[in-house]
Amino acid sequence: MKKISSLLLVLIIIFSTIPSALATASGAPSICYRAHVQNIGWQDYVENGITSGTSYQSLRLEGINIKIEGNSNLGVEYTTHVQNIGWQGYVTSNDLSGTVGQSLRLEAIKIKLTGADSGLYDVYYRVHVQDYGWLSWAKNGSGAGTEGLSKRLESIEIRIVKKTDAANLDTSCPFVTAYGNVSYRTHVQNFGWQNYVADGAMSGTAGQSLRLEGINIRLSGGLPSGDIYYATHVQDIGWMDWAKNGEMSGTEGQSKRLEAIAIELDGDIADQYDIYYRVHAQDVGWMGWAKNGDPAGTAGFGRRLEGIQIVLVAKGAPAPGDTSNSFINK
């Protein structure tokens, strides 16, 4: 009887711990975070939308720790844009992002969820920025804060929301950049390199019979993580290898015209945005908008590109214009 009683007791203990273990593995998560603040140091951890940092005290955030509690199937990765450094690499689960003891301000942050349960939740976050106040909410790896404006973060709030629940949060303007979401410049016959333009503005010329010879394209750091790739079709060369993230495609000092271009996104950004682009071609004028790696321009006709427009569009949203006649191949 004693052996039976002991066995029952063991079984009761084992089965009583199973629900608790399951709750820890897949239960409702809390997101916990703390900030290192100028003149204050590390503040205490707060969670689930409570403000960390200060407001209207002109004190910069310098570092941050973020962790998930209550669900072992959920993790977090985050990166910060730091004064004089730029975007740091992603860190995970309670590691330091930013700096301590260097008097450098945080200027922006990106946060994303990881783990088996990451598809069940969205992470939202917003920041209080010098001279701007509270910006709207970013989510799932998009940037919150500013870039190229030398503005300090002063406080932050972070929330986790089930994808099945309505967040009802303003997401209209979480990030302000001096550069545009996608920026680009071209090397133009007789002019050389033009200044960068962004988000659908024309680079190059129209009606001046001047060829494009090279191009740089780059993404804003406030976008979800990923890369932009582009390849150009060049006079006497044909299609060149893919360049990416601000590298030059084409030639410089060789008097060779660009004739066509293809541009595509890779990584998280490709899940959230489409990349559209159109070109102004010799004897044709503005052609239709190409998208996501399709070629734009001409091949086999000896016609120069003279201008280009590039724009990011939220995944599935309408094209910025007519998409017919974007490429002519002989």
C-alpha atoms as a PDB file:
ATOM      1  CA  MET A   1       0.000   0.000   0.000  1.00  0.00           C
ATOM      2  CA  LYS A   2       2.866   2.374   0.839  1.00  0.00           C
ATOM      3  CA  LYS A   3       4.415   1.718  -2.588  1.00  0.00           C
ATOM      4  CA  ILE A   4       1.075   2.380  -4.321  1.00  0.00           C
ATOM      5  CA  SER A   5       0.522   5.559  -2.291  1.00  0.00           C
ATOM      6  CA  SER A   6       4.018   6.761  -3.135  1.00  0.00           C
ATOM      7  CA  LEU A   7       3.465   6.049  -6.818  1.00  0.00           C
ATOM      8  CA  LEU A   8       0.177   7.946  -6.817  1.00  0.00           C
ATOM      9  CA  LEU A   9       1.840  10.878  -5.121  1.00  0.00           C
ATOM     10  CA  VAL A  10       4.588  10.965  -7.768  1.00  0.00           C
ATOM     11  CA  LEU A  11       2.028  10.803 -10.573  1.00  0.00           C
ATOM     12  CA  ILE A  12      -0.006  13.597  -9.038  1.00  0.00           C
ATOM     13  CA  ILE A  13       3.089  15.782  -8.788  1.00  0.00           C
ATOM     14  CA  ILE A  14       4.121  15.046 -12.393  1.00  0.00           C
ATOM     15  CA  PHE A  15       0.696  15.716 -13.902  1.00  0.00           C
ATOM     16  CA  SER A  16       0.172  18.824 -11.799  1.00  0.00           C
ATOM     17  CA  THR A  17       3.334  20.357 -13.278  1.00  0.00           C
ATOM     18  CA  ILE A  18       2.378  19.713 -16.925  1.00  0.00           C
ATOM     19  CA  PRO A  19      -0.167  22.562 -17.253  1.00  0.00           C
ATOM     20  CA  SER A  20       2.331  24.966 -15.685  1.00  0.00           C
ATOM     21  CA  ALA A  21       5.054  23.891 -18.093  1.00  0.00           C
ATOM     22  CA  LEU A  22       2.726  24.255 -21.058  1.00  0.00           C
ATOM     23  CA  ALA A  23       1.668  27.698 -19.894  1.00  0.00           C
ATOM     24  CA  THR A  24       5.297  28.777 -19.681  1.00  0.00           C
ATOM     25  CA  ALA A  25       6.015  27.375 -23.148  1.00  0.00           C
ATOM     26  CA  SER A  26       3.058  28.856 -25.006  1.00  0.00           C
ATOM     27  CA  GLY A  27       1.281  31.200 -22.599  1.00  0.00           C
ATOM     28  CA  ALA A  28       0.512  34.909 -22.925  1.00  0.00           C
ATOM     29  CA  PRO A  29       3.862  36.691 -23.264  1.00  0.00           C
ATOM     30  CA  SER A  30       5.048  39.853 -21.589  1.00  0.00           C
ATOM     31  CA  ILE A  31       7.664  42.087 -23.173  1.00  0.00           C
ATOM     32  CA  CYS A  32       9.985  43.626 -20.591  1.00  0.00           C
ATOM     33  CA  TYR A  33      12.476  46.422 -21.235  1.00  0.00           C
ATOM     34  CA  ARG A  34      14.669  48.980 -19.564  1.00  0.00           C
ATOM     35  CA  ALA A  35      16.607  52.002 -20.818  1.00  0.00           C
ATOM     36  CA  HIS A  36      19.951  53.505 -19.900  1.00  0.00           C
ATOM     37  CA  VAL A  37      19.287  57.231 -19.570  1.00  0.00           C
ATOM     38  CA  GLN A  38      21.685  60.187 -19.554  1.00  0.00           C
ATOM     39  CA  ASN A  39      22.495  61.303 -15.947  1.00  0.00           C
ATOM     40  CA  ILE A  40      20.308  58.499 -14.535  1.00  0.00           C
ATOM     41  CA  GLY A  41      21.808  55.222 -15.715  1.00  0.00           C
ATOM     42  CA  TRP A  42      19.799  52.027 -15.938  1.00  0.00           C
ATOM     43  CA  GLN A  43      16.136  52.400 -14.999  1.00  0.00           C
ATOM     44  CA  ASP A  44      14.047  49.539 -13.630  1.00  0.00           C
ATOM     45  CA  TYR A  45      12.386  47.115 -16.035  1.00  0.00           C
ATOM     46  CA  VAL A  46       8.865  47.946 -17.176  1.00  0.00           C
ATOM     47  CA  GLU A  47       6.563  45.892 -19.389  1.00  0.00           C
ATOM     48  CA  ASN A  48       3.701  45.846 -21.891  1.00  0.00           C
ATOM     49  CA  GLY A  49       3.391  49.475 -22.986  1.00  0.00           C
ATOM     50  CA  ILE A  50       4.662  51.278 -19.884  1.00  0.00           C
ATOM     51  CA  THR A  51       7.027  54.165 -20.636  1.00  0.00           C
ATOM     52  CA  SER A  52      10.761  53.667 -20.163  1.00  0.00           C
ATOM     53  CA  GLY A  53      12.928  56.768 -20.242  1.00  0.00           C
ATOM     54  CA  THR A  54      11.869  60.346 -19.594  1.00  0.00           C
ATOM     55  CA  SER A  55       9.742  63.006 -21.278  1.00  0.00           C
ATOM     56  CA  TYR A  56      10.481  66.732 -21.522  1.00  0.00           C
ATOM     57  CA  GLN A  57      13.692  66.479 -19.482  1.00  0.00           C
ATOM     58  CA  SER A  58      16.020  66.647 -22.523  1.00  0.00           C
ATOM     59  CA  LEU A  59      17.761  63.429 -21.496  1.00  0.00           C
ATOM     60  CA  ARG A  60      18.947  60.986 -24.147  1.00  0.00           C
ATOM     61  CA  LEU A  61      18.458  57.237 -24.185  1.00  0.00           C
ATOM     62  CA  GLU A  62      21.858  55.581 -24.541  1.00  0.00           C
ATOM     63  CA  GLY A  63      21.127  51.849 -24.355  1.00  0.00           C
ATOM     64  CA  ILE A  64      18.294  49.362 -24.027  1.00  0.00           C
ATOM     65  CA  ASN A  65      17.628  45.766 -22.924  1.00  0.00           C
ATOM     66  CA  ILE A  66      14.507  43.890 -24.110  1.00  0.00           C
ATOM     67  CA  LYS A  67      13.311  40.405 -23.166  1.00  0.00           C
ATOM     68  CA  ILE A  68      10.235  38.177 -23.381  1.00  0.00           C
ATOM     69  CA  GLU A  69       8.747  36.522 -20.315  1.00  0.00           C
ATOM     70  CA  GLY A  70       5.893  34.020 -19.997  1.00  0.00           C
ATOM     71  CA  ASN A  71       6.413  32.160 -23.281  1.00  0.00           C
ATOM     72  CA  SER A  72       9.559  30.180 -24.024  1.00  0.00           C
ATOM     73  CA  ASN A  73       8.456  29.791 -27.671  1.00  0.00           C
ATOM     74  CA  LEU A  74       8.839  33.517 -28.260  1.00  0.00           C
ATOM     75  CA  GLY A  75      12.036  35.570 -28.516  1.00  0.00           C
ATOM     76  CA  VAL A  76      13.010  39.084 -29.531  1.00  0.00           C
ATOM     77  CA  GLU A  77      15.713  40.710 -31.673  1.00  0.00           C
ATOM     78  CA  TYR A  78      16.428  44.438 -31.808  1.00  0.00           C
ATOM     79  CA  THR A  79      18.851  46.995 -33.192  1.00  0.00           C
ATOM     80  CA  THR A  80      19.409  50.683 -32.516  1.00  0.00           C
ATOM     81  CA  HIS A  81      20.701  53.598 -34.569  1.00  0.00           C
ATOM     82  CA  VAL A  82      23.409  55.259 -32.476  1.00  0.00           C
ATOM     83  CA  GLN A  83      24.993  58.700 -32.774  1.00  0.00           C
ATOM     84  CA  ASN A  84      28.297  58.539 -34.732  1.00  0.00           C
ATOM     85  CA  ILE A  85      27.834  54.785 -35.294  1.00  0.00           C
ATOM     86  CA  GLY A  86      24.642  54.283 -37.284  1.00  0.00           C
ATOM     87  CA  TRP A  87      22.687  51.035 -37.185  1.00  0.00           C
ATOM     88  CA  GLN A  88      24.272  48.409 -34.968  1.00  0.00           C
ATOM     89  CA  GLY A  89      23.862  44.686 -35.550  1.00  0.00           C
ATOM     90  CA  TYR A  90      20.837  42.891 -34.138  1.00  0.00           C
ATOM     91  CA  VAL A  91      21.089  41.549 -30.591  1.00  0.00           C
ATOM     92  CA  THR A  92      18.778  39.107 -28.812  1.00  0.00           C
ATOM     93  CA  SER A  93      16.909  38.666 -25.549  1.00  0.00           C
ATOM     94  CA  ASN A  94      18.219  41.066 -22.935  1.00  0.00           C
ATOM     95  CA  ASP A  95      21.529  41.877 -24.629  1.00  0.00           C
ATOM     96  CA  LEU A  96      22.621  45.508 -24.738  1.00  0.00           C
ATOM     97  CA  SER A  97      21.825  47.532 -27.825  1.00  0.00           C
ATOM     98  CA  GLY A  98      23.346  50.986 -27.857  1.00  0.00           C
ATOM     99  CA  THR A  99      26.217  52.041 -25.624  1.00  0.00           C
ATOM    100  CA  VAL A 100      26.982  52.706 -21.975  1.00  0.00           C
ATOM    101  CA  GLY A 101      29.526  55.266 -20.782  1.00  0.00           C
ATOM    102  CA  GLN A 102      30.109  56.843 -24.210  1.00  0.00           C
ATOM    103  CA  SER A 103      27.558  59.685 -24.037  1.00  0.00           C
ATOM    104  CA  LEU A 104      26.047  58.674 -27.379  1.00  0.00           C
ATOM    105  CA  ARG A 105      22.346  59.095 -28.061  1.00  0.00           C
ATOM    106  CA  LEU A 106      20.003  56.488 -29.472  1.00  0.00           C
ATOM    107  CA  GLU A 107      18.244  57.905 -32.534  1.00  0.00           C
ATOM    108  CA  ALA A 108      16.044  55.001 -33.689  1.00  0.00           C
ATOM    109  CA  ILE A 109      15.178  51.385 -32.968  1.00  0.00           C
ATOM    110  CA  LYS A 110      13.830  48.303 -34.758  1.00  0.00           C
ATOM    111  CA  ILE A 111      12.308  45.317 -32.905  1.00  0.00           C
ATOM    112  CA  LYS A 112      11.068  41.964 -34.211  1.00  0.00           C
ATOM    113  CA  LEU A 113       9.818  38.725 -32.663  1.00  0.00           C
ATOM    114  CA  THR A 114      11.452  35.333 -33.162  1.00  0.00           C
ATOM    115  CA  GLY A 115      10.658  31.746 -32.185  1.00  0.00           C
ATOM    116  CA  ALA A 116       7.962  29.187 -32.881  1.00  0.00           C
ATOM    117  CA  ASP A 117       5.142  31.477 -31.712  1.00  0.00           C
ATOM    118  CA  SER A 118       6.347  34.608 -33.540  1.00  0.00           C
ATOM    119  CA  GLY A 119       3.677  34.138 -36.205  1.00  0.00           C
ATOM    120  CA  LEU A 120       0.958  34.532 -33.563  1.00  0.00           C
ATOM    121  CA  TYR A 121       1.917  38.009 -32.344  1.00  0.00           C
ATOM    122  CA  ASP A 122       2.877  41.489 -33.510  1.00  0.00           C
ATOM    123  CA  VAL A 123       5.280  43.691 -31.593  1.00  0.00           C
ATOM    124  CA  TYR A 124       4.460  47.411 -31.590  1.00  0.00           C
ATOM    125  CA  TYR A 125       6.751  50.171 -30.311  1.00  0.00           C
ATOM    126  CA  ARG A 126       6.903  53.943 -30.335  1.00  0.00           C
ATOM    127  CA  VAL A 127       9.462  56.506 -29.239  1.00  0.00           C
ATOM    128  CA  HIS A 128       9.524  60.017 -27.837  1.00  0.00           C
ATOM    129  CA  VAL A 129      11.963  62.053 -29.950  1.00  0.00           C
ATOM    130  CA  GLN A 130      13.702  65.360 -29.320  1.00  0.00           C
ATOM    131  CA  ASP A 131      11.688  68.243 -30.865  1.00  0.00           C
ATOM    132  CA  TYR A 132       9.050  65.816 -32.203  1.00  0.00           C
ATOM    133  CA  GLY A 133       7.460  64.300 -29.105  1.00  0.00           C
ATOM    134  CA  TRP A 134       5.754  60.920 -29.455  1.00  0.00           C
ATOM    135  CA  LEU A 135       5.879  59.486 -32.966  1.00  0.00           C
ATOM    136  CA  SER A 136       3.302  56.915 -34.022  1.00  0.00           C
ATOM    137  CA  TRP A 137       3.712  53.157 -33.584  1.00  0.00           C
ATOM    138  CA  ALA A 138       6.100  51.009 -35.625  1.00  0.00           C
ATOM    139  CA  LYS A 139       5.763  47.232 -35.775  1.00  0.00           C
ATOM    140  CA  ASN A 140       7.605  44.020 -36.625  1.00  0.00           C
ATOM    141  CA  GLY A 141      11.044  45.286 -37.555  1.00  0.00           C
ATOM    142  CA  SER A 142      10.225  48.691 -39.026  1.00  0.00           C
ATOM    143  CA  GLY A 143      12.113  51.715 -37.738  1.00  0.00           C
ATOM    144  CA  ALA A 144      10.903  53.991 -34.944  1.00  0.00           C
ATOM    145  CA  GLY A 145      12.692  57.317 -34.476  1.00  0.00           C
ATOM    146  CA  THR A 146      14.757  59.387 -36.887  1.00  0.00           C
ATOM    147  CA  GLU A 147      17.740  59.018 -39.206  1.00  0.00           C
ATOM    148  CA  GLY A 148      20.091  61.771 -40.381  1.00  0.00           C
ATOM    149  CA  LEU A 149      18.501  64.449 -38.175  1.00  0.00           C
ATOM    150  CA  SER A 150      20.671  64.190 -35.003  1.00  0.00           C
ATOM    151  CA  LYS A 151      17.638  63.836 -32.728  1.00  0.00           C
ATOM    152  CA  ARG A 152      17.844  61.863 -29.475  1.00  0.00           C
ATOM    153  CA  LEU A 153      15.359  59.256 -28.296  1.00  0.00           C
ATOM    154  CA  GLU A 154      14.032  60.223 -24.877  1.00  0.00           C
ATOM    155  CA  SER A 155      11.636  57.370 -24.067  1.00  0.00           C
ATOM    156  CA  ILE A 156      10.047  54.237 -25.499  1.00  0.00           C
ATOM    157  CA  GLU A 157       6.936  52.073 -25.145  1.00  0.00           C
ATOM    158  CA  ILE A 158       6.655  48.465 -26.410  1.00  0.00           C
ATOM    159  CA  ARG A 159       3.617  46.163 -26.654  1.00  0.00           C
ATOM    160  CA  ILE A 160       2.871  42.641 -27.869  1.00  0.00           C
ATOM    161  CA  VAL A 161      -0.523  42.142 -29.536  1.00  0.00           C
ATOM    162  CA  LYS A 162      -2.085  38.907 -30.778  1.00  0.00           C
ATOM    163  CA  LYS A 163      -2.480  38.948 -34.547  1.00  0.00           C
ATOM    164  CA  THR A 164      -6.134  38.036 -34.032  1.00  0.00           C
ATOM    165  CA  ASP A 165      -6.711  41.144 -31.892  1.00  0.00           C
ATOM    166  CA  ALA A 166      -7.219  44.655 -33.253  1.00  0.00           C
ATOM    167  CA  ALA A 167      -4.328  46.849 -32.128  1.00  0.00           C
ATOM    168  CA  ASN A 168      -6.128  50.187 -32.777  1.00  0.00           C
ATOM    169  CA  LEU A 169      -2.816  52.057 -32.743  1.00  0.00           C
ATOM    170  CA  ASP A 170      -1.770  54.927 -34.994  1.00  0.00           C
ATOM    171  CA  THR A 171       0.965  53.709 -37.361  1.00  0.00           C
ATOM    172  CA  SER A 172       0.998  56.706 -39.714  1.00  0.00           C
ATOM    173  CA  CYS A 173       4.462  58.152 -39.006  1.00  0.00           C
ATOM    174  CA  PRO A 174       6.789  56.111 -36.766  1.00  0.00           C
ATOM    175  CA  PHE A 175      10.034  57.071 -38.521  1.00  0.00           C
ATOM    176  CA  VAL A 176      11.412  60.289 -40.007  1.00  0.00           C
ATOM    177  CA  THR A 177      14.403  60.128 -42.317  1.00  0.00           C
ATOM    178  CA  ALA A 178      16.475  62.791 -44.014  1.00  0.00           C
ATOM    179  CA  TYR A 179      17.089  60.463 -46.960  1.00  0.00           C
ATOM    180  CA  GLY A 180      13.752  59.026 -48.128  1.00  0.00           C
ATOM    181  CA  ASN A 181      12.712  55.385 -47.960  1.00  0.00           C
ATOM    182  CA  VAL A 182      14.514  54.497 -51.189  1.00  0.00           C
ATOM    183  CA  SER A 183      17.092  56.966 -52.490  1.00  0.00           C
ATOM    184  CA  TYR A 184      19.145  56.879 -55.664  1.00  0.00           C
ATOM    185  CA  ARG A 185      21.470  58.901 -57.858  1.00  0.00           C
ATOM    186  CA  THR A 186      22.684  58.559 -61.426  1.00  0.00           C
ATOM    187  CA  HIS A 187      25.881  59.344 -63.292  1.00  0.00           C
ATOM    188  CA  VAL A 188      24.822  61.435 -66.295  1.00  0.00           C
ATOM    189  CA  GLN A 189      26.709  62.205 -69.501  1.00  0.00           C
ATOM    190  CA  ASN A 190      28.429  65.641 -69.266  1.00  0.00           C
ATOM    191  CA  PHE A 191      27.193  66.105 -65.671  1.00  0.00           C
ATOM    192  CA  GLY A 192      28.751  63.314 -63.630  1.00  0.00           C
ATOM    193  CA  TRP A 193      27.076  62.198 -60.411  1.00  0.00           C
ATOM    194  CA  GLN A 194      23.860  63.990 -59.541  1.00  0.00           C
ATOM    195  CA  ASN A 195      22.646  64.432 -55.956  1.00  0.00           C
ATOM    196  CA  TYR A 196      20.531  61.697 -54.393  1.00  0.00           C
ATOM    197  CA  VAL A 197      16.774  61.927 -54.832  1.00  0.00           C
ATOM    198  CA  ALA A 198      14.149  59.716 -53.212  1.00  0.00           C
ATOM    199  CA  ASP A 199      10.748  58.085 -53.336  1.00  0.00           C
ATOM    200  CA  GLY A 200       9.645  58.572 -56.929  1.00  0.00           C
ATOM    201  CA  ALA A 201      11.552  61.735 -57.822  1.00  0.00           C
ATOM    202  CA  MET A 202      13.303  61.675 -61.187  1.00  0.00           C
ATOM    203  CA  SER A 203      17.053  61.112 -61.373  1.00  0.00           C
ATOM    204  CA  GLY A 204      18.717  61.922 -64.674  1.00  0.00           C
ATOM    205  CA  THR A 205      17.332  64.229 -67.350  1.00  0.00           C
ATOM    206  CA  ALA A 206      14.452  64.339 -69.808  1.00  0.00           C
ATOM    207  CA  GLY A 207      14.568  65.986 -73.228  1.00  0.00           C
ATOM    208  CA  GLN A 208      18.321  66.680 -73.150  1.00  0.00           C
ATOM    209  CA  SER A 209      19.517  63.564 -75.029  1.00  0.00           C
ATOM    210  CA  LEU A 210      21.977  62.682 -72.240  1.00  0.00           C
ATOM    211  CA  ARG A 211      22.668  59.069 -71.325  1.00  0.00           C
ATOM    212  CA  LEU A 212      22.667  57.534 -67.861  1.00  0.00           C
ATOM    213  CA  GLU A 213      25.971  55.760 -67.256  1.00  0.00           C
ATOM    214  CA  GLY A 214      25.792  54.502 -63.657  1.00  0.00           C
ATOM    215  CA  ILE A 215      23.463  54.305 -60.649  1.00  0.00           C
ATOM    216  CA  ASN A 216      23.534  53.894 -56.847  1.00  0.00           C
ATOM    217  CA  ILE A 217      20.406  52.790 -54.952  1.00  0.00           C
ATOM    218  CA  ARG A 218      20.001  52.477 -51.184  1.00  0.00           C
ATOM    219  CA  LEU A 219      17.248  51.856 -48.626  1.00  0.00           C
ATOM    220  CA  SER A 220      16.467  53.856 -45.522  1.00  0.00           C
ATOM    221  CA  GLY A 221      17.587  52.234 -42.277  1.00  0.00           C
ATOM    222  CA  GLY A 222      14.089  52.673 -40.885  1.00  0.00           C
ATOM    223  CA  LEU A 223      12.653  49.999 -43.134  1.00  0.00           C
ATOM    224  CA  PRO A 224      12.378  46.319 -42.185  1.00  0.00           C
ATOM    225  CA  SER A 225      15.658  44.454 -42.480  1.00  0.00           C
ATOM    226  CA  GLY A 226      16.761  43.346 -45.917  1.00  0.00           C
ATOM    227  CA  ASP A 227      18.652  44.368 -49.036  1.00  0.00           C
ATOM    228  CA  ILE A 228      18.047  46.043 -52.360  1.00  0.00           C
ATOM    229  CA  TYR A 229      19.669  44.457 -55.422  1.00  0.00           C
ATOM    230  CA  TYR A 230      19.924  45.966 -58.902  1.00  0.00           C
ATOM    231  CA  ALA A 231      21.511  45.092 -62.234  1.00  0.00           C
ATOM    232  CA  THR A 232      21.944  47.227 -65.347  1.00  0.00           C
ATOM    233  CA  HIS A 233      22.169  46.395 -69.044  1.00  0.00           C
ATOM    234  CA  VAL A 234      25.119  48.383 -70.373  1.00  0.00           C
ATOM    235  CA  GLN A 235      26.224  49.268 -73.898  1.00  0.00           C
ATOM    236  CA  ASP A 236      28.755  46.716 -75.288  1.00  0.00           C
ATOM    237  CA  ILE A 237      28.568  44.722 -72.018  1.00  0.00           C
ATOM    238  CA  GLY A 238      25.012  43.480 -71.615  1.00  0.00           C
ATOM    239  CA  TRP A 239      23.611  42.595 -68.202  1.00  0.00           C
ATOM    240  CA  MET A 240      26.109  43.235 -65.406  1.00  0.00           C
ATOM    241  CA  ASP A 241      26.263  41.311 -62.117  1.00  0.00           C
ATOM    242  CA  TRP A 242      23.918  42.352 -59.324  1.00  0.00           C
ATOM    243  CA  ALA A 243      24.999  45.237 -57.117  1.00  0.00           C
ATOM    244  CA  LYS A 244      23.357  45.966 -53.762  1.00  0.00           C
ATOM    245  CA  ASN A 245      22.811  48.544 -51.011  1.00  0.00           C
ATOM    246  CA  GLY A 246      24.413  51.637 -52.521  1.00  0.00           C
ATOM    247  CA  GLU A 247      27.051  49.992 -54.701  1.00  0.00           C
ATOM    248  CA  MET A 248      27.487  51.340 -58.225  1.00  0.00           C
ATOM    249  CA  SER A 249      25.962  49.513 -61.172  1.00  0.00           C
ATOM    250  CA  GLY A 250      26.998  50.599 -64.651  1.00  0.00           C
ATOM    251  CA  THR A 251      30.219  52.380 -65.551  1.00  0.00           C
ATOM    252  CA  GLU A 252      31.954  55.674 -64.917  1.00  0.00           C
ATOM    253  CA  GLY A 253      34.347  57.391 -67.338  1.00  0.00           C
ATOM    254  CA  GLN A 254      33.736  54.899 -70.175  1.00  0.00           C
ATOM    255  CA  SER A 255      31.016  56.806 -72.090  1.00  0.00           C
ATOM    256  CA  LYS A 256      28.751  53.749 -72.061  1.00  0.00           C
ATOM    257  CA  ARG A 257      24.989  54.130 -71.839  1.00  0.00           C
ATOM    258  CA  LEU A 258      22.637  52.272 -69.526  1.00  0.00           C
ATOM    259  CA  GLU A 259      19.928  50.593 -71.584  1.00  0.00           C
ATOM    260  CA  ALA A 260      17.851  48.739 -68.975  1.00  0.00           C
ATOM    261  CA  ILE A 261      17.664  48.039 -65.241  1.00  0.00           C
ATOM    262  CA  ALA A 262      16.166  45.441 -62.888  1.00  0.00           C
ATOM    263  CA  ILE A 263      15.647  46.044 -59.140  1.00  0.00           C
ATOM    264  CA  GLU A 264      14.491  43.664 -56.414  1.00  0.00           C
ATOM    265  CA  LEU A 265      14.186  43.404 -52.629  1.00  0.00           C
ATOM    266  CA  ASP A 266      15.384  40.588 -50.380  1.00  0.00           C
ATOM    267  CA  GLY A 267      14.745  39.788 -46.716  1.00  0.00           C
ATOM    268  CA  ASP A 268      11.978  40.970 -44.402  1.00  0.00           C
ATOM    269  CA  ILE A 269      11.398  44.081 -46.485  1.00  0.00           C
ATOM    270  CA  ALA A 270      10.399  41.940 -49.468  1.00  0.00           C
ATOM    271  CA  ASP A 271       7.521  40.520 -47.399  1.00  0.00           C
ATOM    272  CA  GLN A 272       6.146  43.997 -46.700  1.00  0.00           C
ATOM    273  CA  TYR A 273       6.942  46.061 -49.808  1.00  0.00           C
ATOM    274  CA  ASP A 274       7.048  45.903 -53.599  1.00  0.00           C
ATOM    275  CA  ILE A 275       9.687  47.917 -55.449  1.00  0.00           C
ATOM    276  CA  TYR A 276       8.458  49.730 -58.579  1.00  0.00           C
ATOM    277  CA  TYR A 277      10.594  51.619 -61.107  1.00  0.00           C
ATOM    278  CA  ARG A 278      10.253  53.141 -64.552  1.00  0.00           C
ATOM    279  CA  VAL A 279      12.695  54.660 -67.015  1.00  0.00           C
ATOM    280  CA  HIS A 280      12.783  57.414 -69.604  1.00  0.00           C
ATOM    281  CA  ALA A 281      14.306  55.842 -72.718  1.00  0.00           C
ATOM    282  CA  GLN A 282      15.646  57.407 -75.899  1.00  0.00           C
ATOM    283  CA  ASP A 283      12.953  57.700 -78.641  1.00  0.00           C
ATOM    284  CA  VAL A 284      10.369  56.141 -76.295  1.00  0.00           C
ATOM    285  CA  GLY A 285       9.931  58.555 -73.384  1.00  0.00           C
ATOM    286  CA  TRP A 286       8.562  57.335 -70.054  1.00  0.00           C
ATOM    287  CA  MET A 287       7.899  53.611 -70.156  1.00  0.00           C
ATOM    288  CA  GLY A 288       5.572  51.619 -67.880  1.00  0.00           C
ATOM    289  CA  TRP A 289       6.367  50.703 -64.268  1.00  0.00           C
ATOM    290  CA  ALA A 290       8.292  47.452 -63.736  1.00  0.00           C
ATOM    291  CA  LYS A 291       8.253  45.605 -60.417  1.00  0.00           C
ATOM    292  CA  ASN A 292      10.287  43.256 -58.207  1.00  0.00           C
ATOM    293  CA  GLY A 293      13.139  42.245 -60.495  1.00  0.00           C
ATOM    294  CA  ASP A 294      11.459  42.607 -63.868  1.00  0.00           C
ATOM    295  CA  PRO A 295      13.542  44.535 -66.410  1.00  0.00           C
ATOM    296  CA  ALA A 296      12.736  48.133 -67.372  1.00  0.00           C
ATOM    297  CA  GLY A 297      14.068  49.791 -70.520  1.00  0.00           C
ATOM    298  CA  THR A 298      15.213  48.233 -73.774  1.00  0.00           C
ATOM    299  CA  ALA A 299      17.730  45.641 -74.950  1.00  0.00           C
ATOM    300  CA  GLY A 300      19.081  45.180 -78.449  1.00  0.00           C
ATOM    301  CA  PHE A 301      18.038  48.578 -79.814  1.00  0.00           C
ATOM    302  CA  GLY A 302      21.003  50.746 -78.771  1.00  0.00           C
ATOM    303  CA  ARG A 303      18.767  53.178 -76.875  1.00  0.00           C
ATOM    304  CA  ARG A 304      20.050  55.049 -73.858  1.00  0.00           C
ATOM    305  CA  LEU A 305      18.282  55.487 -70.539  1.00  0.00           C
ATOM    306  CA  GLU A 306      17.869  59.188 -69.741  1.00  0.00           C
ATOM    307  CA  GLY A 307      15.943  59.197 -66.456  1.00  0.00           C
ATOM    308  CA  ILE A 308      14.576  56.886 -63.745  1.00  0.00           C
ATOM    309  CA  GLN A 309      12.006  56.904 -60.944  1.00  0.00           C
ATOM    310  CA  ILE A 310      11.939  54.366 -58.080  1.00  0.00           C
ATOM    311  CA  VAL A 311       9.330  53.957 -55.338  1.00  0.00           C
ATOM    312  CA  LEU A 312       8.425  51.506 -52.567  1.00  0.00           C
ATOM    313  CA  VAL A 313       4.785  50.443 -52.341  1.00  0.00           C
ATOM    314  CA  ALA A 314       3.189  48.490 -49.491  1.00  0.00           C
ATOM    315  CA  LYS A 315       2.822  44.827 -50.467  1.00  0.00           C
ATOM    316  CA  GLY A 316      -0.292  44.293 -52.533  1.00  0.00           C
ATOM    317  CA  ALA A 317      -1.142  47.997 -52.894  1.00  0.00           C
ATOM    318  CA  PRO A 318      -1.826  49.368 -56.400  1.00  0.00           C
ATOM    319  CA  ALA A 319       1.052  50.206 -58.727  1.00  0.00           C
ATOM    320  CA  PRO A 320       1.999  53.899 -58.960  1.00  0.00           C
ATOM    321  CA  GLY A 321       0.917  53.996 -62.606  1.00  0.00           C
ATOM    322  CA  ASP A 322       0.598  52.100 -65.881  1.00  0.00           C
ATOM    323  CA  THR A 323       2.622  48.867 -65.889  1.00  0.00           C
ATOM    324  CA  SER A 324       2.370  48.123 -69.614  1.00  0.00           C
ATOM    325  CA  ASN A 325       5.324  48.534 -71.996  1.00  0.00           C
ATOM    326  CA  SER A 326       7.972  48.595 -69.261  1.00  0.00           C
ATOM    327  CA  PHE A 327      10.565  46.641 -71.272  1.00  0.00           C
ATOM    328  CA  ILE A 328      11.246  46.062 -74.965  1.00  0.00           C
ATOM    329  CA  ASN A 329      13.630  43.269 -75.956  1.00  0.00           C
ATOM    330  CA  LYS A 330      14.732  42.810 -79.559  1.00  0.00           C
END
